Amino acid sequence: MAEDEGADAIGIVVCSHSPRNVPLETASEILGQLRPFTAGVLVTHTQSREKFKSVLDLHPSAVQLSYPFIMPARTGVRLLRVVQPGGAIPGDCDAVVIDESRGSGRLYSPEFAKTAVLESAVPVILAGGLTPYNVKWAIEDVRPYAVDVASGVEIRPGVKDPVLVSRFIQNAKGVPDAR
């Protein structure tokens, strides 16, 4: 559904205690159904090296990590590191995700997000408290490389509302690129 609405990437939560968590087998099935130009991003908060290896074994386009694992060489998987206010902006990744919410719907810190965009050597993805109603303003204010949403388009935790997903994507893609 998100692909049909124009999403560039689909996040799949694995190895987490989130209500959005799916088993690795289900994540593999979802990744296998994505179209060639839609990125499949596995989102994990695991601190287990074994589980991290299992995530990489699914060969997603990217992995979003909140734990500071070192990415093995030549995996072909991009690394997105989660950063929060007070934390350093890492450079050992392909992009950083501003996400102090972790799916709770708590709004990101605008000051930290703007600073991260200015200081980061890699693209910045904005997450945390975004909805179809504030995403346009957030993009215009922060100017991130991309935006990420979870709870802001849900009927209840883990269940997406097709109308909200559609509105979110339309509003996000309707902001002129100022990069």
Protein backbone atom coordinates (compact mmCIF):
# COMPACT_ATOMS: atom_id res chain seq x y z
CA MET A 1 0.00 0.00 0.00
CA ALA A 2 2.79 2.46 0.88
CA GLU A 3 4.57 1.58 -2.37
CA ASP A 4 1.40 2.24 -4.35
CA GLU A 5 1.18 5.67 -2.72
CA GLY A 6 4.76 6.53 -3.72
CA ALA A 7 6.89 5.64 -0.70
CA ASP A 8 10.59 5.43 -1.56
CA ALA A 9 11.36 3.06 1.32
CA ILE A 10 9.48 0.67 3.57
CA GLY A 11 10.63 0.21 7.17
CA ILE A 12 10.19 -3.20 8.74
CA VAL A 13 10.73 -3.51 12.51
CA VAL A 14 12.54 -6.69 13.58
CA CYS A 15 14.28 -8.01 16.70
CA SER A 16 12.54 -5.41 18.85
CA HIS A 17 9.93 -5.18 21.59
CA SER A 18 7.86 -2.80 19.47
CA PRO A 19 4.19 -3.53 18.72
CA ARG A 20 5.30 -3.18 15.07
CA ASN A 21 7.82 -6.02 15.36
CA VAL A 22 7.52 -8.85 12.85
CA PRO A 23 9.41 -12.16 12.81
CA LEU A 24 12.46 -12.33 10.53
CA GLU A 25 10.58 -14.78 8.27
CA THR A 26 7.81 -12.22 7.73
CA ALA A 27 10.39 -9.49 7.11
CA SER A 28 12.00 -11.70 4.47
CA GLU A 29 8.63 -12.18 2.76
CA ILE A 30 7.97 -8.43 2.76
CA LEU A 31 11.44 -7.68 1.36
CA GLY A 32 10.83 -10.24 -1.38
CA GLN A 33 7.62 -8.49 -2.46
CA LEU A 34 9.08 -4.99 -2.80
CA ARG A 35 9.49 -3.52 -6.25
CA PRO A 36 13.05 -3.09 -7.56
CA PHE A 37 13.34 0.61 -6.73
CA THR A 38 11.70 0.57 -3.29
CA ALA A 39 14.22 0.31 -0.47
CA GLY A 40 13.53 -2.24 2.24
CA VAL A 41 14.87 -0.97 5.57
CA LEU A 42 15.06 -3.33 8.53
CA VAL A 43 14.73 -1.35 11.76
CA THR A 44 16.16 -2.96 14.87
CA HIS A 45 17.06 -2.00 18.42
CA THR A 46 18.77 -5.31 19.15
CA GLN A 47 21.98 -5.42 21.17
CA SER A 48 22.62 -9.05 20.18
CA ARG A 49 25.37 -9.60 17.62
CA GLU A 50 23.71 -12.88 16.61
CA LYS A 51 20.37 -11.17 15.90
CA PHE A 52 22.17 -8.36 14.06
CA LYS A 53 23.83 -10.97 11.82
CA SER A 54 20.41 -12.58 11.20
CA VAL A 55 19.06 -9.18 10.14
CA LEU A 56 21.95 -8.67 7.70
CA ASP A 57 21.45 -12.19 6.32
CA LEU A 58 18.08 -11.03 4.91
CA HIS A 59 19.96 -8.63 2.57
CA PRO A 60 17.77 -5.55 3.02
CA SER A 61 18.62 -2.32 1.22
CA ALA A 62 19.51 -0.78 4.59
CA VAL A 63 19.51 -1.44 8.32
CA GLN A 64 18.49 1.23 10.84
CA LEU A 65 20.41 0.72 14.10
CA SER A 66 20.21 2.36 17.49
CA TYR A 67 23.06 0.18 18.89
CA PRO A 68 26.63 1.00 17.78
CA PHE A 69 27.45 -2.22 15.93
CA ILE A 70 30.24 -2.09 13.37
CA MET A 71 28.95 -2.96 9.92
CA PRO A 72 30.86 -5.88 8.40
CA ALA A 73 32.69 -5.05 5.17
CA ARG A 74 31.09 -5.66 1.79
CA THR A 75 27.59 -6.58 2.93
CA GLY A 76 25.94 -4.41 0.27
CA VAL A 77 23.61 -3.15 3.03
CA ARG A 78 23.48 0.56 3.83
CA LEU A 79 23.72 1.61 7.46
CA LEU A 80 21.40 4.19 9.04
CA ARG A 81 22.40 5.19 12.57
CA VAL A 82 19.80 6.55 15.01
CA VAL A 83 20.86 9.73 16.82
CA GLN A 84 19.24 11.68 19.60
CA PRO A 85 19.81 15.08 21.19
CA GLY A 86 23.00 15.06 23.21
CA GLY A 87 24.56 12.38 21.02
CA ALA A 88 27.34 12.88 18.52
CA ILE A 89 26.53 12.85 14.81
CA PRO A 90 28.32 9.71 13.54
CA GLY A 91 30.13 9.58 10.24
CA ASP A 92 30.51 5.78 10.01
CA CYS A 93 27.19 5.31 8.27
CA ASP A 94 25.31 6.09 5.07
CA ALA A 95 22.75 8.32 6.81
CA VAL A 96 21.60 9.33 10.27
CA VAL A 97 18.04 9.14 11.54
CA ILE A 98 16.93 11.80 14.00
CA ASP A 99 14.65 9.67 16.16
CA GLU A 100 14.11 10.28 19.83
CA SER A 101 10.59 8.91 19.53
CA ARG A 102 11.24 5.26 18.56
CA GLY A 103 7.66 4.90 17.39
CA SER A 104 6.06 6.59 20.39
CA GLY A 105 4.87 9.65 18.46
CA ARG A 106 6.94 12.11 20.53
CA LEU A 107 7.95 15.09 18.39
CA TYR A 108 11.60 15.48 17.38
CA SER A 109 13.69 18.37 18.73
CA PRO A 110 13.65 21.04 15.98
CA GLU A 111 16.88 22.65 17.22
CA PHE A 112 18.78 19.37 17.28
CA ALA A 113 17.39 18.31 13.90
CA LYS A 114 18.45 21.59 12.23
CA THR A 115 21.91 21.37 13.80
CA ALA A 116 22.27 17.76 12.63
CA VAL A 117 21.37 18.71 9.05
CA LEU A 118 23.99 21.47 9.10
CA GLU A 119 26.76 19.41 10.76
CA SER A 120 26.26 15.92 9.36
CA ALA A 121 28.62 14.64 6.68
CA VAL A 122 25.92 12.15 5.63
CA PRO A 123 22.21 12.61 4.76
CA VAL A 124 19.80 13.20 7.66
CA ILE A 125 16.45 11.45 7.89
CA LEU A 126 13.90 13.11 10.17
CA ALA A 127 11.59 10.98 12.33
CA GLY A 128 9.66 11.44 15.54
CA GLY A 129 6.14 12.74 15.88
CA LEU A 130 5.59 13.32 12.17
CA THR A 131 2.03 13.16 10.82
CA PRO A 132 0.31 14.07 7.56
CA TYR A 133 -0.55 17.40 9.20
CA ASN A 134 2.95 18.53 10.24
CA VAL A 135 5.29 16.82 7.76
CA LYS A 136 5.26 19.63 5.21
CA TRP A 137 6.14 22.21 7.85
CA ALA A 138 8.85 19.92 9.31
CA ILE A 139 10.48 19.46 5.91
CA GLU A 140 10.38 23.19 5.17
CA ASP A 141 11.82 24.01 8.61
CA VAL A 142 14.52 21.33 8.96
CA ARG A 143 15.32 20.46 5.31
CA PRO A 144 16.19 16.80 5.92
CA TYR A 145 17.21 14.42 3.16
CA ALA A 146 14.12 12.29 3.89
CA VAL A 147 11.37 11.76 6.46
CA ASP A 148 10.24 8.64 8.29
CA VAL A 149 6.88 7.90 9.89
CA ALA A 150 5.36 5.11 11.97
CA SER A 151 2.81 6.04 14.64
CA GLY A 152 1.77 9.22 12.82
CA VAL A 153 -0.09 7.18 10.17
CA GLU A 154 -1.56 4.46 12.38
CA ILE A 155 -5.07 3.60 13.51
CA ARG A 156 -3.45 1.83 16.49
CA PRO A 157 0.15 0.65 17.11
CA GLY A 158 1.27 -1.47 14.18
CA VAL A 159 -1.83 -0.89 12.02
CA LYS A 160 -1.43 1.70 9.25
CA ASP A 161 -4.33 3.80 8.00
CA PRO A 162 -4.24 3.89 4.17
CA VAL A 163 -5.74 7.40 4.07
CA LEU A 164 -3.14 8.78 6.51
CA VAL A 165 -0.31 7.04 4.64
CA SER A 166 -1.49 8.57 1.37
CA ARG A 167 -1.82 12.06 2.87
CA PHE A 168 1.59 11.82 4.53
CA ILE A 169 3.35 10.86 1.30
CA GLN A 170 1.49 13.50 -0.74
CA ASN A 171 2.33 16.22 1.78
CA ALA A 172 5.97 15.12 2.09
CA LYS A 173 6.51 14.95 -1.65
CA GLY A 174 4.74 18.28 -2.21
CA VAL A 175 7.58 20.30 -0.60
CA PRO A 176 9.96 21.82 -3.16
CA ASP A 177 13.54 20.55 -2.89
CA ALA A 178 15.80 23.28 -1.51
CA ARG A 179 19.00 21.21 -1.36
